[in-house]
Amino acid sequence: MANLILPDSNIYIGAIRTGRDPFRPFAPGITEHDWEFATCGMVMLEVCRGLREPTLLARYRERFAVMIFIPTTPQIWERAAHLAWSLDRQGRVLPGPDLLIAAHALQTNAAILTHDAHFQAIPGLRVIDRLE
């Protein structure tokens, strides 16, 4: 059984800023660790909106197109809203996009690959900061 990983937008954005290809580290994990990589609309929106070059945008869209796409269903919206409500009551106010991405991961039992500490506050979410 493959392990599903949902890279957060900061993984892509950080690689772009340093001139690295964020997709390159995914390849060995697919064959060596039985990983599968997923994306969702919110990650694609956050990443693609910052790409300035049309050729780079096209390349990212091609790469996202071959990943497992997790659609934003009514259940995911409901889960994100519940997360926001319950975390807010605990004094942990997280950005809406992070809650929506987390809801996608929780709904599909995916781990979030991220450098964002916000995700650590979400109960039941598997969070990893590097591929091993």
N, C-alpha and C. Protein backbone atom coordinates (compact mmCIF):
# COMPACT_ATOMS: atom_id res chain seq x y z
N MET A 1 0.84 -1.19 0.00
CA MET A 1 0.00 0.00 0.00
C MET A 1 0.88 1.24 0.00
N ALA A 2 0.62 2.13 -0.90
CA ALA A 2 1.41 3.35 -1.02
C ALA A 2 1.08 4.31 0.12
N ASN A 3 2.05 5.14 0.45
CA ASN A 3 1.87 6.19 1.44
C ASN A 3 1.62 7.49 0.71
N LEU A 4 0.49 8.12 0.99
CA LEU A 4 0.12 9.35 0.31
C LEU A 4 0.72 10.55 1.03
N ILE A 5 1.36 11.42 0.26
CA ILE A 5 1.98 12.63 0.79
C ILE A 5 1.42 13.83 0.04
N LEU A 6 0.97 14.81 0.80
CA LEU A 6 0.46 16.06 0.25
C LEU A 6 1.46 17.17 0.59
N PRO A 7 2.31 17.54 -0.37
CA PRO A 7 3.25 18.65 -0.10
C PRO A 7 2.50 19.97 0.01
N ASP A 8 2.80 20.71 1.05
CA ASP A 8 2.23 22.03 1.25
C ASP A 8 2.86 23.00 0.25
N SER A 9 2.18 24.09 0.00
CA SER A 9 2.68 25.07 -0.96
C SER A 9 4.05 25.62 -0.57
N ASN A 10 4.38 25.67 0.72
CA ASN A 10 5.68 26.23 1.10
C ASN A 10 6.84 25.36 0.64
N ILE A 11 6.61 24.09 0.38
CA ILE A 11 7.65 23.22 -0.17
C ILE A 11 8.02 23.69 -1.57
N TYR A 12 7.02 23.98 -2.36
CA TYR A 12 7.24 24.44 -3.74
C TYR A 12 7.81 25.86 -3.75
N ILE A 13 7.22 26.74 -2.96
CA ILE A 13 7.64 28.13 -2.95
C ILE A 13 9.07 28.28 -2.46
N GLY A 14 9.44 27.52 -1.42
CA GLY A 14 10.82 27.56 -0.94
C GLY A 14 11.81 27.10 -1.99
N ALA A 15 11.46 26.06 -2.73
CA ALA A 15 12.33 25.56 -3.80
C ALA A 15 12.45 26.59 -4.92
N ILE A 16 11.36 27.21 -5.28
CA ILE A 16 11.38 28.24 -6.33
C ILE A 16 12.32 29.37 -5.93
N ARG A 17 12.23 29.80 -4.70
CA ARG A 17 13.07 30.92 -4.23
C ARG A 17 14.56 30.60 -4.25
N THR A 18 14.89 29.32 -4.10
CA THR A 18 16.31 28.94 -4.10
C THR A 18 16.76 28.36 -5.43
N GLY A 19 15.88 28.39 -6.42
CA GLY A 19 16.25 27.92 -7.75
C GLY A 19 16.31 26.41 -7.90
N ARG A 20 15.67 25.66 -6.99
CA ARG A 20 15.65 24.20 -7.07
C ARG A 20 14.35 23.71 -7.68
N ASP A 21 14.39 22.51 -8.20
CA ASP A 21 13.19 21.84 -8.73
C ASP A 21 12.54 21.09 -7.57
N PRO A 22 11.37 21.52 -7.11
CA PRO A 22 10.76 20.87 -5.95
C PRO A 22 10.27 19.45 -6.25
N PHE A 23 10.09 19.12 -7.51
CA PHE A 23 9.57 17.81 -7.87
C PHE A 23 10.66 16.73 -7.88
N ARG A 24 11.89 17.13 -8.05
CA ARG A 24 13.00 16.17 -8.15
C ARG A 24 13.09 15.22 -6.94
N PRO A 25 12.97 15.71 -5.70
CA PRO A 25 13.06 14.78 -4.55
C PRO A 25 11.92 13.77 -4.47
N PHE A 26 10.83 14.00 -5.20
CA PHE A 26 9.70 13.08 -5.15
C PHE A 26 10.00 11.75 -5.84
N ALA A 27 10.77 11.79 -6.93
CA ALA A 27 10.98 10.61 -7.78
C ALA A 27 11.56 9.41 -7.03
N PRO A 28 12.65 9.56 -6.25
CA PRO A 28 13.18 8.37 -5.57
C PRO A 28 12.18 7.75 -4.59
N GLY A 29 11.38 8.57 -3.96
CA GLY A 29 10.41 8.04 -3.00
C GLY A 29 9.33 7.20 -3.64
N ILE A 30 9.01 7.51 -4.88
CA ILE A 30 7.97 6.76 -5.58
C ILE A 30 8.41 5.33 -5.79
N THR A 31 9.68 5.13 -6.16
CA THR A 31 10.17 3.77 -6.42
C THR A 31 10.74 3.10 -5.18
N GLU A 32 11.41 3.84 -4.34
CA GLU A 32 12.09 3.24 -3.19
C GLU A 32 11.23 3.10 -1.94
N HIS A 33 10.25 3.97 -1.77
CA HIS A 33 9.46 3.99 -0.54
C HIS A 33 7.97 3.78 -0.76
N ASP A 34 7.56 3.56 -2.00
CA ASP A 34 6.14 3.37 -2.31
C ASP A 34 5.31 4.59 -1.92
N TRP A 35 5.87 5.79 -2.15
CA TRP A 35 5.14 7.03 -1.89
C TRP A 35 4.33 7.42 -3.11
N GLU A 36 3.21 8.04 -2.85
CA GLU A 36 2.42 8.69 -3.90
C GLU A 36 2.24 10.13 -3.46
N PHE A 37 2.27 11.03 -4.43
CA PHE A 37 2.16 12.45 -4.11
C PHE A 37 0.84 13.00 -4.62
N ALA A 38 0.25 13.84 -3.79
CA ALA A 38 -1.06 14.40 -4.10
C ALA A 38 -0.97 15.92 -4.05
N THR A 39 -1.98 16.53 -4.61
CA THR A 39 -2.14 17.98 -4.50
C THR A 39 -3.62 18.28 -4.37
N CYS A 40 -3.92 19.53 -4.11
CA CYS A 40 -5.31 19.98 -4.04
C CYS A 40 -5.37 21.38 -4.64
N GLY A 41 -6.56 21.86 -4.85
CA GLY A 41 -6.73 23.16 -5.48
C GLY A 41 -6.07 24.30 -4.72
N MET A 42 -6.12 24.27 -3.40
CA MET A 42 -5.53 25.36 -2.62
C MET A 42 -4.01 25.41 -2.79
N VAL A 43 -3.37 24.25 -2.78
CA VAL A 43 -1.91 24.23 -2.99
C VAL A 43 -1.59 24.75 -4.39
N MET A 44 -2.32 24.27 -5.39
CA MET A 44 -2.07 24.72 -6.75
C MET A 44 -2.27 26.23 -6.88
N LEU A 45 -3.30 26.77 -6.26
CA LEU A 45 -3.57 28.20 -6.30
C LEU A 45 -2.43 28.98 -5.66
N GLU A 46 -2.02 28.58 -4.47
CA GLU A 46 -0.96 29.30 -3.77
C GLU A 46 0.36 29.26 -4.52
N VAL A 47 0.67 28.13 -5.14
CA VAL A 47 1.94 28.00 -5.86
C VAL A 47 1.88 28.73 -7.20
N CYS A 48 0.87 28.45 -7.98
CA CYS A 48 0.81 28.98 -9.35
C CYS A 48 0.64 30.49 -9.40
N ARG A 49 -0.02 31.07 -8.42
CA ARG A 49 -0.22 32.53 -8.47
C ARG A 49 1.08 33.30 -8.37
N GLY A 50 2.11 32.69 -7.79
CA GLY A 50 3.39 33.37 -7.62
C GLY A 50 4.38 33.13 -8.74
N LEU A 51 4.05 32.27 -9.68
CA LEU A 51 4.97 31.98 -10.78
C LEU A 51 4.88 33.09 -11.81
N ARG A 52 6.01 33.71 -12.11
CA ARG A 52 6.00 34.87 -13.00
C ARG A 52 6.16 34.50 -14.47
N GLU A 53 6.91 33.46 -14.74
CA GLU A 53 7.20 33.08 -16.12
C GLU A 53 6.15 32.11 -16.64
N PRO A 54 5.55 32.39 -17.79
CA PRO A 54 4.55 31.48 -18.36
C PRO A 54 5.08 30.06 -18.60
N THR A 55 6.35 29.93 -18.97
CA THR A 55 6.90 28.59 -19.20
C THR A 55 7.02 27.81 -17.89
N LEU A 56 7.37 28.51 -16.82
CA LEU A 56 7.45 27.86 -15.51
C LEU A 56 6.05 27.47 -15.03
N LEU A 57 5.09 28.34 -15.24
CA LEU A 57 3.71 28.03 -14.88
C LEU A 57 3.23 26.78 -15.63
N ALA A 58 3.52 26.72 -16.92
CA ALA A 58 3.11 25.55 -17.71
C ALA A 58 3.77 24.28 -17.18
N ARG A 59 5.04 24.35 -16.81
CA ARG A 59 5.74 23.18 -16.28
C ARG A 59 5.12 22.71 -14.95
N TYR A 60 4.80 23.64 -14.09
CA TYR A 60 4.19 23.27 -12.81
C TYR A 60 2.80 22.68 -13.02
N ARG A 61 2.05 23.26 -13.93
CA ARG A 61 0.71 22.72 -14.21
C ARG A 61 0.81 21.30 -14.76
N GLU A 62 1.81 21.04 -15.59
CA GLU A 62 2.02 19.67 -16.11
C GLU A 62 2.36 18.71 -14.97
N ARG A 63 3.20 19.15 -14.08
CA ARG A 63 3.59 18.28 -12.95
C ARG A 63 2.42 18.03 -12.01
N PHE A 64 1.66 19.08 -11.71
CA PHE A 64 0.49 18.90 -10.85
C PHE A 64 -0.53 17.96 -11.51
N ALA A 65 -0.62 17.99 -12.83
CA ALA A 65 -1.61 17.19 -13.55
C ALA A 65 -1.36 15.69 -13.43
N VAL A 66 -0.13 15.27 -13.15
CA VAL A 66 0.15 13.84 -13.01
C VAL A 66 0.11 13.38 -11.55
N MET A 67 -0.10 14.31 -10.64
CA MET A 67 -0.22 13.95 -9.23
C MET A 67 -1.66 13.55 -8.94
N ILE A 68 -1.86 12.85 -7.86
CA ILE A 68 -3.22 12.54 -7.41
C ILE A 68 -3.86 13.86 -7.00
N PHE A 69 -5.03 14.13 -7.56
CA PHE A 69 -5.73 15.37 -7.22
C PHE A 69 -6.83 15.05 -6.22
N ILE A 70 -6.78 15.73 -5.08
CA ILE A 70 -7.80 15.56 -4.05
C ILE A 70 -8.82 16.70 -4.23
N PRO A 71 -10.02 16.38 -4.70
CA PRO A 71 -11.00 17.45 -4.91
C PRO A 71 -11.52 18.00 -3.59
N THR A 72 -11.92 19.24 -3.60
CA THR A 72 -12.45 19.89 -2.41
C THR A 72 -13.95 19.61 -2.34
N THR A 73 -14.28 18.56 -1.64
CA THR A 73 -15.67 18.13 -1.51
C THR A 73 -16.38 18.90 -0.38
N PRO A 74 -17.69 18.82 -0.32
CA PRO A 74 -18.40 19.43 0.81
C PRO A 74 -17.91 18.89 2.16
N GLN A 75 -17.53 17.60 2.20
CA GLN A 75 -17.04 17.02 3.46
C GLN A 75 -15.71 17.67 3.87
N ILE A 76 -14.88 17.99 2.90
CA ILE A 76 -13.60 18.64 3.22
C ILE A 76 -13.85 20.06 3.71
N TRP A 77 -14.77 20.78 3.07
CA TRP A 77 -15.10 22.12 3.55
C TRP A 77 -15.63 22.05 4.99
N GLU A 78 -16.49 21.07 5.24
CA GLU A 78 -17.06 20.92 6.58
C GLU A 78 -15.96 20.59 7.60
N ARG A 79 -15.04 19.73 7.21
CA ARG A 79 -13.94 19.36 8.10
C ARG A 79 -13.06 20.58 8.39
N ALA A 80 -12.76 21.38 7.38
CA ALA A 80 -11.96 22.59 7.57
C ALA A 80 -12.66 23.57 8.50
N ALA A 81 -13.97 23.73 8.31
CA ALA A 81 -14.74 24.63 9.17
C ALA A 81 -14.74 24.15 10.61
N HIS A 82 -14.89 22.83 10.79
CA HIS A 82 -14.85 22.28 12.15
C HIS A 82 -13.47 22.47 12.79
N LEU A 83 -12.41 22.24 12.01
CA LEU A 83 -11.06 22.46 12.53
C LEU A 83 -10.89 23.92 12.96
N ALA A 84 -11.32 24.84 12.11
CA ALA A 84 -11.20 26.26 12.43
C ALA A 84 -11.94 26.58 13.72
N TRP A 85 -13.16 26.10 13.82
CA TRP A 85 -13.98 26.38 15.01
C TRP A 85 -13.32 25.83 16.26
N SER A 86 -12.93 24.55 16.22
CA SER A 86 -12.39 23.93 17.43
C SER A 86 -11.02 24.50 17.81
N LEU A 87 -10.17 24.77 16.84
CA LEU A 87 -8.85 25.35 17.15
C LEU A 87 -8.98 26.78 17.64
N ASP A 88 -9.89 27.54 17.05
CA ASP A 88 -10.13 28.92 17.51
C ASP A 88 -10.52 28.93 18.98
N ARG A 89 -11.35 27.96 19.39
CA ARG A 89 -11.81 27.90 20.79
C ARG A 89 -10.65 27.57 21.74
N GLN A 90 -9.59 27.00 21.20
CA GLN A 90 -8.40 26.69 22.00
C GLN A 90 -7.38 27.83 21.94
N GLY A 91 -7.72 28.90 21.24
CA GLY A 91 -6.80 30.02 21.11
C GLY A 91 -5.76 29.83 20.02
N ARG A 92 -5.95 28.85 19.17
CA ARG A 92 -5.02 28.59 18.06
C ARG A 92 -5.71 28.99 16.76
N VAL A 93 -5.45 30.19 16.31
CA VAL A 93 -6.08 30.70 15.10
C VAL A 93 -5.12 30.48 13.93
N LEU A 94 -5.48 29.55 13.07
CA LEU A 94 -4.64 29.20 11.92
C LEU A 94 -5.21 29.82 10.65
N PRO A 95 -4.34 30.08 9.67
CA PRO A 95 -4.84 30.62 8.40
C PRO A 95 -5.80 29.65 7.72
N GLY A 96 -6.85 30.20 7.11
CA GLY A 96 -7.84 29.39 6.41
C GLY A 96 -7.24 28.45 5.37
N PRO A 97 -6.33 28.93 4.51
CA PRO A 97 -5.75 28.02 3.53
C PRO A 97 -5.06 26.81 4.16
N ASP A 98 -4.37 27.01 5.29
CA ASP A 98 -3.72 25.88 5.96
C ASP A 98 -4.74 24.88 6.48
N LEU A 99 -5.85 25.39 7.01
CA LEU A 99 -6.90 24.50 7.51
C LEU A 99 -7.52 23.71 6.37
N LEU A 100 -7.70 24.34 5.23
CA LEU A 100 -8.28 23.65 4.08
C LEU A 100 -7.32 22.57 3.57
N ILE A 101 -6.04 22.87 3.49
CA ILE A 101 -5.05 21.88 3.06
C ILE A 101 -5.01 20.72 4.06
N ALA A 102 -5.03 21.04 5.34
CA ALA A 102 -5.03 19.99 6.37
C ALA A 102 -6.28 19.10 6.25
N ALA A 103 -7.42 19.70 5.96
CA ALA A 103 -8.65 18.91 5.82
C ALA A 103 -8.54 17.94 4.65
N HIS A 104 -7.88 18.35 3.57
CA HIS A 104 -7.65 17.44 2.44
C HIS A 104 -6.80 16.25 2.89
N ALA A 105 -5.76 16.53 3.65
CA ALA A 105 -4.87 15.46 4.11
C ALA A 105 -5.61 14.52 5.08
N LEU A 106 -6.34 15.08 6.00
CA LEU A 106 -7.07 14.25 6.97
C LEU A 106 -8.11 13.38 6.27
N GLN A 107 -8.79 13.93 5.29
CA GLN A 107 -9.84 13.19 4.58
C GLN A 107 -9.28 11.99 3.83
N THR A 108 -8.03 12.09 3.38
CA THR A 108 -7.42 11.03 2.56
C THR A 108 -6.33 10.26 3.30
N ASN A 109 -6.16 10.56 4.58
CA ASN A 109 -5.12 9.93 5.39
C ASN A 109 -3.72 10.17 4.80
N ALA A 110 -3.52 11.33 4.24
CA ALA A 110 -2.21 11.71 3.70
C ALA A 110 -1.39 12.41 4.77
N ALA A 111 -0.09 12.31 4.64
CA ALA A 111 0.81 13.09 5.47
C ALA A 111 1.05 14.43 4.77
N ILE A 112 1.20 15.48 5.55
CA ILE A 112 1.53 16.80 5.00
C ILE A 112 3.05 16.96 5.05
N LEU A 113 3.64 17.27 3.91
CA LEU A 113 5.07 17.62 3.84
C LEU A 113 5.12 19.13 3.88
N THR A 114 5.69 19.69 4.94
CA THR A 114 5.64 21.14 5.13
C THR A 114 6.77 21.62 6.03
N HIS A 115 7.04 22.91 5.93
CA HIS A 115 7.97 23.58 6.85
C HIS A 115 7.19 24.58 7.72
N ASP A 116 5.88 24.50 7.68
CA ASP A 116 5.00 25.43 8.39
C ASP A 116 4.56 24.81 9.71
N ALA A 117 4.92 25.46 10.80
CA ALA A 117 4.62 24.94 12.13
C ALA A 117 3.12 24.94 12.45
N HIS A 118 2.32 25.71 11.71
CA HIS A 118 0.88 25.73 11.97
C HIS A 118 0.28 24.33 11.96
N PHE A 119 0.76 23.49 11.07
CA PHE A 119 0.17 22.17 10.89
C PHE A 119 0.35 21.27 12.11
N GLN A 120 1.36 21.55 12.93
CA GLN A 120 1.59 20.75 14.14
C GLN A 120 0.44 20.86 15.14
N ALA A 121 -0.33 21.93 15.05
CA ALA A 121 -1.43 22.16 16.00
C ALA A 121 -2.69 21.39 15.65
N ILE A 122 -2.70 20.72 14.51
CA ILE A 122 -3.93 20.07 14.05
C ILE A 122 -3.95 18.61 14.51
N PRO A 123 -4.91 18.26 15.35
CA PRO A 123 -4.98 16.91 15.90
C PRO A 123 -5.18 15.85 14.82
N GLY A 124 -4.43 14.77 14.93
CA GLY A 124 -4.58 13.64 14.03
C GLY A 124 -3.88 13.79 12.70
N LEU A 125 -3.28 14.94 12.43
CA LEU A 125 -2.61 15.17 11.15
C LEU A 125 -1.17 14.67 11.22
N ARG A 126 -0.80 13.85 10.23
CA ARG A 126 0.59 13.40 10.13
C ARG A 126 1.38 14.49 9.40
N VAL A 127 2.39 15.01 10.07
CA VAL A 127 3.19 16.11 9.52
C VAL A 127 4.63 15.65 9.42
N ILE A 128 5.23 15.84 8.22
CA ILE A 128 6.64 15.55 8.03
C ILE A 128 7.29 16.80 7.43
N ASP A 129 8.58 17.00 7.76
CA ASP A 129 9.26 18.18 7.24
C ASP A 129 10.33 17.84 6.20
N ARG A 130 10.51 16.56 5.91
CA ARG A 130 11.45 16.13 4.86
C ARG A 130 11.10 14.72 4.43
N LEU A 131 11.57 14.39 3.26
CA LEU A 131 11.35 13.04 2.74
C LEU A 131 12.51 12.17 3.18
N GLU A 132 12.22 11.05 3.79
CA GLU A 132 13.27 10.13 4.26
C GLU A 132 13.02 8.75 3.75
